Amino acid sequence: MESALKPFRVLAYMVGVMLLVLCVGMFLNYVVQVTWWPGLIIAQVHGFLYMVYLVTVMNLGMKARWSWPYMLGIMLGGTVPFLSFYVERRVTQRVQAALAQA
């Protein structure tokens, strides 16, 4: 379980940061009406990282024996700005508590 926690933590932060940058790009594009060409690249990078994030959540969830609804909730953490940071902290605490208990 410990070996699956580190990739999850790294990807949770990466997905969170990329989502925030993507939100800034969308704000510039649709509200300020400034065409920001890196927005397309950032959207694709975020999409790819989110898919890898889903795999790491699945890996960690299987090793930690989480329920499917809990895993789904963790997976959705990468879709809301700032939520992936909160989810990462809570999951890390939960996994570390389970490791200490074992």
N, C-alpha and C. Protein backbone atom coordinates (compact mmCIF):
# COMPACT_ATOMS: atom_id res chain seq x y z
N MET A 1 0.83 -1.19 0.00
CA MET A 1 0.00 0.00 0.00
C MET A 1 0.88 1.26 0.00
N GLU A 2 2.00 1.18 0.69
CA GLU A 2 2.89 2.33 0.77
C GLU A 2 3.48 2.68 -0.59
N SER A 3 3.74 1.65 -1.40
CA SER A 3 4.32 1.89 -2.72
C SER A 3 3.32 2.55 -3.67
N ALA A 4 2.04 2.40 -3.42
CA ALA A 4 1.02 3.00 -4.27
C ALA A 4 0.65 4.40 -3.81
N LEU A 5 1.03 4.75 -2.58
CA LEU A 5 0.65 6.06 -2.04
C LEU A 5 1.43 7.21 -2.68
N LYS A 6 2.72 7.03 -2.89
CA LYS A 6 3.54 8.11 -3.43
C LYS A 6 3.12 8.54 -4.84
N PRO A 7 2.92 7.60 -5.79
CA PRO A 7 2.43 8.05 -7.11
C PRO A 7 1.07 8.73 -7.03
N PHE A 8 0.21 8.26 -6.13
CA PHE A 8 -1.10 8.91 -5.96
C PHE A 8 -0.93 10.35 -5.50
N ARG A 9 -0.06 10.56 -4.51
CA ARG A 9 0.14 11.90 -3.99
C ARG A 9 0.70 12.84 -5.06
N VAL A 10 1.70 12.36 -5.80
CA VAL A 10 2.31 13.19 -6.84
C VAL A 10 1.28 13.54 -7.91
N LEU A 11 0.52 12.56 -8.34
CA LEU A 11 -0.46 12.84 -9.40
C LEU A 11 -1.61 13.68 -8.90
N ALA A 12 -2.00 13.54 -7.65
CA ALA A 12 -3.06 14.39 -7.11
C ALA A 12 -2.64 15.86 -7.16
N TYR A 13 -1.40 16.14 -6.78
CA TYR A 13 -0.92 17.52 -6.85
C TYR A 13 -0.79 17.99 -8.30
N MET A 14 -0.27 17.15 -9.17
CA MET A 14 -0.11 17.55 -10.57
C MET A 14 -1.46 17.83 -11.22
N VAL A 15 -2.43 16.96 -10.99
CA VAL A 15 -3.76 17.16 -11.56
C VAL A 15 -4.39 18.42 -10.98
N GLY A 16 -4.22 18.65 -9.69
CA GLY A 16 -4.78 19.85 -9.07
C GLY A 16 -4.19 21.13 -9.64
N VAL A 17 -2.88 21.16 -9.79
CA VAL A 17 -2.22 22.36 -10.33
C VAL A 17 -2.63 22.58 -11.79
N MET A 18 -2.63 21.51 -12.57
CA MET A 18 -3.02 21.66 -13.98
C MET A 18 -4.47 22.10 -14.12
N LEU A 19 -5.33 21.63 -13.22
CA LEU A 19 -6.73 22.05 -13.27
C LEU A 19 -6.87 23.53 -12.94
N LEU A 20 -6.09 24.00 -11.98
CA LEU A 20 -6.13 25.43 -11.65
C LEU A 20 -5.62 26.28 -12.80
N VAL A 21 -4.54 25.85 -13.44
CA VAL A 21 -4.01 26.58 -14.60
C VAL A 21 -5.03 26.55 -15.74
N LEU A 22 -5.69 25.42 -15.92
CA LEU A 22 -6.71 25.31 -16.96
C LEU A 22 -7.88 26.25 -16.67
N CYS A 23 -8.26 26.37 -15.41
CA CYS A 23 -9.35 27.29 -15.06
C CYS A 23 -8.97 28.75 -15.35
N VAL A 24 -7.72 29.09 -15.07
CA VAL A 24 -7.25 30.45 -15.40
C VAL A 24 -7.31 30.67 -16.91
N GLY A 25 -6.87 29.67 -17.67
CA GLY A 25 -6.93 29.78 -19.12
C GLY A 25 -8.35 29.91 -19.65
N MET A 26 -9.26 29.14 -19.06
CA MET A 26 -10.67 29.24 -19.50
C MET A 26 -11.26 30.60 -19.13
N PHE A 27 -10.88 31.11 -17.96
CA PHE A 27 -11.35 32.44 -17.57
C PHE A 27 -10.85 33.49 -18.55
N LEU A 28 -9.57 33.41 -18.90
CA LEU A 28 -9.02 34.36 -19.87
C LEU A 28 -9.70 34.24 -21.22
N ASN A 29 -9.97 33.02 -21.63
CA ASN A 29 -10.54 32.78 -22.96
C ASN A 29 -12.01 33.20 -23.04
N TYR A 30 -12.81 32.84 -22.04
CA TYR A 30 -14.25 33.04 -22.16
C TYR A 30 -14.77 34.29 -21.47
N VAL A 31 -14.11 34.77 -20.44
CA VAL A 31 -14.60 35.95 -19.72
C VAL A 31 -13.89 37.21 -20.19
N VAL A 32 -12.57 37.17 -20.23
CA VAL A 32 -11.80 38.34 -20.62
C VAL A 32 -11.70 38.44 -22.15
N GLN A 33 -12.02 37.38 -22.85
CA GLN A 33 -11.97 37.32 -24.31
C GLN A 33 -10.55 37.47 -24.85
N VAL A 34 -9.59 36.93 -24.12
CA VAL A 34 -8.21 36.92 -24.57
C VAL A 34 -7.90 35.50 -25.03
N THR A 35 -7.49 35.37 -26.27
CA THR A 35 -7.15 34.04 -26.78
C THR A 35 -5.81 33.64 -26.20
N TRP A 36 -5.84 32.58 -25.43
CA TRP A 36 -4.64 32.09 -24.75
C TRP A 36 -4.31 30.75 -25.35
N TRP A 37 -3.36 30.72 -26.29
CA TRP A 37 -3.09 29.50 -27.05
C TRP A 37 -2.56 28.35 -26.20
N PRO A 38 -1.83 28.55 -25.09
CA PRO A 38 -1.40 27.39 -24.31
C PRO A 38 -2.57 26.65 -23.63
N GLY A 39 -3.74 27.24 -23.63
CA GLY A 39 -4.89 26.61 -23.00
C GLY A 39 -5.22 25.25 -23.58
N LEU A 40 -5.09 25.10 -24.89
CA LEU A 40 -5.37 23.81 -25.53
C LEU A 40 -4.36 22.76 -25.10
N ILE A 41 -3.11 23.14 -25.04
CA ILE A 41 -2.06 22.20 -24.62
C ILE A 41 -2.27 21.81 -23.16
N ILE A 42 -2.58 22.79 -22.32
CA ILE A 42 -2.79 22.51 -20.90
C ILE A 42 -4.01 21.60 -20.71
N ALA A 43 -5.05 21.80 -21.50
CA ALA A 43 -6.23 20.94 -21.40
C ALA A 43 -5.88 19.50 -21.74
N GLN A 44 -5.07 19.30 -22.76
CA GLN A 44 -4.68 17.95 -23.14
C GLN A 44 -3.77 17.31 -22.11
N VAL A 45 -2.85 18.08 -21.55
CA VAL A 45 -1.95 17.55 -20.52
C VAL A 45 -2.76 17.19 -19.27
N HIS A 46 -3.69 18.07 -18.90
CA HIS A 46 -4.54 17.76 -17.74
C HIS A 46 -5.35 16.50 -17.98
N GLY A 47 -5.89 16.36 -19.16
CA GLY A 47 -6.67 15.16 -19.48
C GLY A 47 -5.84 13.89 -19.39
N PHE A 48 -4.62 13.94 -19.90
CA PHE A 48 -3.74 12.78 -19.82
C PHE A 48 -3.38 12.48 -18.36
N LEU A 49 -3.01 13.52 -17.62
CA LEU A 49 -2.65 13.31 -16.22
C LEU A 49 -3.83 12.80 -15.40
N TYR A 50 -5.03 13.26 -15.75
CA TYR A 50 -6.22 12.78 -15.03
C TYR A 50 -6.44 11.28 -15.29
N MET A 51 -6.19 10.83 -16.49
CA MET A 51 -6.32 9.40 -16.78
C MET A 51 -5.30 8.58 -15.98
N VAL A 52 -4.08 9.08 -15.88
CA VAL A 52 -3.05 8.40 -15.09
C VAL A 52 -3.44 8.45 -13.61
N TYR A 53 -4.02 9.57 -13.17
CA TYR A 53 -4.51 9.71 -11.80
C TYR A 53 -5.57 8.65 -11.49
N LEU A 54 -6.46 8.41 -12.43
CA LEU A 54 -7.49 7.38 -12.24
C LEU A 54 -6.86 6.01 -12.04
N VAL A 55 -5.82 5.71 -12.80
CA VAL A 55 -5.14 4.42 -12.65
C VAL A 55 -4.47 4.32 -11.28
N THR A 56 -3.85 5.41 -10.82
CA THR A 56 -3.20 5.36 -9.51
C THR A 56 -4.21 5.24 -8.38
N VAL A 57 -5.36 5.87 -8.53
CA VAL A 57 -6.42 5.72 -7.52
C VAL A 57 -6.90 4.28 -7.50
N MET A 58 -7.07 3.70 -8.66
CA MET A 58 -7.50 2.30 -8.74
C MET A 58 -6.46 1.39 -8.09
N ASN A 59 -5.19 1.63 -8.38
CA ASN A 59 -4.12 0.83 -7.80
C ASN A 59 -4.12 0.94 -6.27
N LEU A 60 -4.17 2.15 -5.76
CA LEU A 60 -4.16 2.36 -4.32
C LEU A 60 -5.43 1.80 -3.68
N GLY A 61 -6.55 2.01 -4.34
CA GLY A 61 -7.82 1.52 -3.80
C GLY A 61 -7.89 0.01 -3.71
N MET A 62 -7.34 -0.67 -4.70
CA MET A 62 -7.32 -2.13 -4.67
C MET A 62 -6.40 -2.64 -3.56
N LYS A 63 -5.26 -1.99 -3.40
CA LYS A 63 -4.33 -2.42 -2.35
C LYS A 63 -4.87 -2.11 -0.96
N ALA A 64 -5.60 -0.99 -0.83
CA ALA A 64 -6.15 -0.61 0.47
C ALA A 64 -7.52 -1.24 0.72
N ARG A 65 -8.06 -1.93 -0.28
CA ARG A 65 -9.37 -2.59 -0.19
C ARG A 65 -10.51 -1.60 0.13
N TRP A 66 -10.52 -0.51 -0.65
CA TRP A 66 -11.58 0.48 -0.49
C TRP A 66 -12.84 0.00 -1.20
N SER A 67 -13.96 0.55 -0.79
CA SER A 67 -15.21 0.24 -1.48
C SER A 67 -15.25 1.03 -2.80
N TRP A 68 -16.07 0.55 -3.73
CA TRP A 68 -16.18 1.22 -5.04
C TRP A 68 -16.71 2.64 -4.92
N PRO A 69 -17.74 2.91 -4.09
CA PRO A 69 -18.20 4.31 -3.98
C PRO A 69 -17.12 5.24 -3.43
N TYR A 70 -16.31 4.76 -2.49
CA TYR A 70 -15.24 5.58 -1.95
C TYR A 70 -14.19 5.87 -3.04
N MET A 71 -13.83 4.84 -3.80
CA MET A 71 -12.87 5.03 -4.89
C MET A 71 -13.40 6.01 -5.93
N LEU A 72 -14.68 5.92 -6.24
CA LEU A 72 -15.29 6.84 -7.20
C LEU A 72 -15.22 8.27 -6.69
N GLY A 73 -15.46 8.46 -5.41
CA GLY A 73 -15.36 9.80 -4.82
C GLY A 73 -13.95 10.35 -4.91
N ILE A 74 -12.97 9.50 -4.67
CA ILE A 74 -11.57 9.93 -4.79
C ILE A 74 -11.25 10.26 -6.24
N MET A 75 -11.77 9.47 -7.15
CA MET A 75 -11.52 9.73 -8.58
C MET A 75 -12.11 11.07 -9.01
N LEU A 76 -13.25 11.43 -8.47
CA LEU A 76 -13.88 12.70 -8.83
C LEU A 76 -13.15 13.90 -8.22
N GLY A 77 -12.23 13.63 -7.31
CA GLY A 77 -11.47 14.71 -6.71
C GLY A 77 -10.63 15.50 -7.70
N GLY A 78 -10.30 14.91 -8.81
CA GLY A 78 -9.50 15.61 -9.82
C GLY A 78 -10.31 16.44 -10.79
N THR A 79 -11.60 16.55 -10.55
CA THR A 79 -12.45 17.30 -11.48
C THR A 79 -12.90 18.65 -10.93
N VAL A 80 -12.68 18.90 -9.65
CA VAL A 80 -13.11 20.15 -9.02
C VAL A 80 -11.87 20.90 -8.54
N PRO A 81 -11.72 22.17 -8.89
CA PRO A 81 -10.54 22.91 -8.45
C PRO A 81 -10.39 22.89 -6.92
N PHE A 82 -9.18 22.72 -6.46
CA PHE A 82 -8.78 22.65 -5.06
C PHE A 82 -9.20 21.36 -4.35
N LEU A 83 -10.12 20.60 -4.91
CA LEU A 83 -10.59 19.39 -4.23
C LEU A 83 -9.53 18.30 -4.22
N SER A 84 -8.70 18.24 -5.24
CA SER A 84 -7.69 17.19 -5.27
C SER A 84 -6.67 17.36 -4.15
N PHE A 85 -6.41 18.60 -3.73
CA PHE A 85 -5.49 18.83 -2.62
C PHE A 85 -6.09 18.32 -1.31
N TYR A 86 -7.36 18.59 -1.11
CA TYR A 86 -8.07 18.13 0.08
C TYR A 86 -8.16 16.60 0.11
N VAL A 87 -8.52 16.03 -1.02
CA VAL A 87 -8.65 14.57 -1.13
C VAL A 87 -7.30 13.90 -0.88
N GLU A 88 -6.24 14.47 -1.43
CA GLU A 88 -4.92 13.89 -1.24
C GLU A 88 -4.55 13.86 0.24
N ARG A 89 -4.83 14.93 0.96
CA ARG A 89 -4.50 14.99 2.38
C ARG A 89 -5.29 13.96 3.17
N ARG A 90 -6.59 13.86 2.87
CA ARG A 90 -7.44 12.90 3.60
C ARG A 90 -7.05 11.46 3.31
N VAL A 91 -6.76 11.16 2.07
CA VAL A 91 -6.37 9.79 1.69
C VAL A 91 -5.04 9.44 2.33
N THR A 92 -4.10 10.38 2.33
CA THR A 92 -2.80 10.12 2.94
C THR A 92 -2.95 9.82 4.43
N GLN A 93 -3.77 10.60 5.10
CA GLN A 93 -4.02 10.34 6.53
C GLN A 93 -4.66 8.97 6.74
N ARG A 94 -5.60 8.62 5.90
CA ARG A 94 -6.28 7.34 6.03
C ARG A 94 -5.32 6.17 5.80
N VAL A 95 -4.51 6.27 4.76
CA VAL A 95 -3.57 5.19 4.44
C VAL A 95 -2.49 5.08 5.52
N GLN A 96 -1.98 6.21 5.98
CA GLN A 96 -0.97 6.17 7.03
C GLN A 96 -1.53 5.60 8.33
N ALA A 97 -2.79 5.89 8.63
CA ALA A 97 -3.42 5.31 9.82
C ALA A 97 -3.58 3.79 9.65
N ALA A 98 -3.93 3.36 8.45
CA ALA A 98 -4.07 1.92 8.19
C ALA A 98 -2.73 1.21 8.26
N LEU A 99 -1.68 1.88 7.79
CA LEU A 99 -0.34 1.30 7.85
C LEU A 99 0.15 1.21 9.30
N ALA A 100 -0.16 2.23 10.10
CA ALA A 100 0.25 2.21 11.49
C ALA A 100 -0.51 1.14 12.27
N GLN A 101 -1.72 0.89 11.88
CA GLN A 101 -2.55 -0.11 12.54
C GLN A 101 -2.08 -1.53 12.20
N ALA A 102 -1.54 -1.71 11.03
CA ALA A 102 -1.13 -3.05 10.58
C ALA A 102 0.20 -3.50 11.16
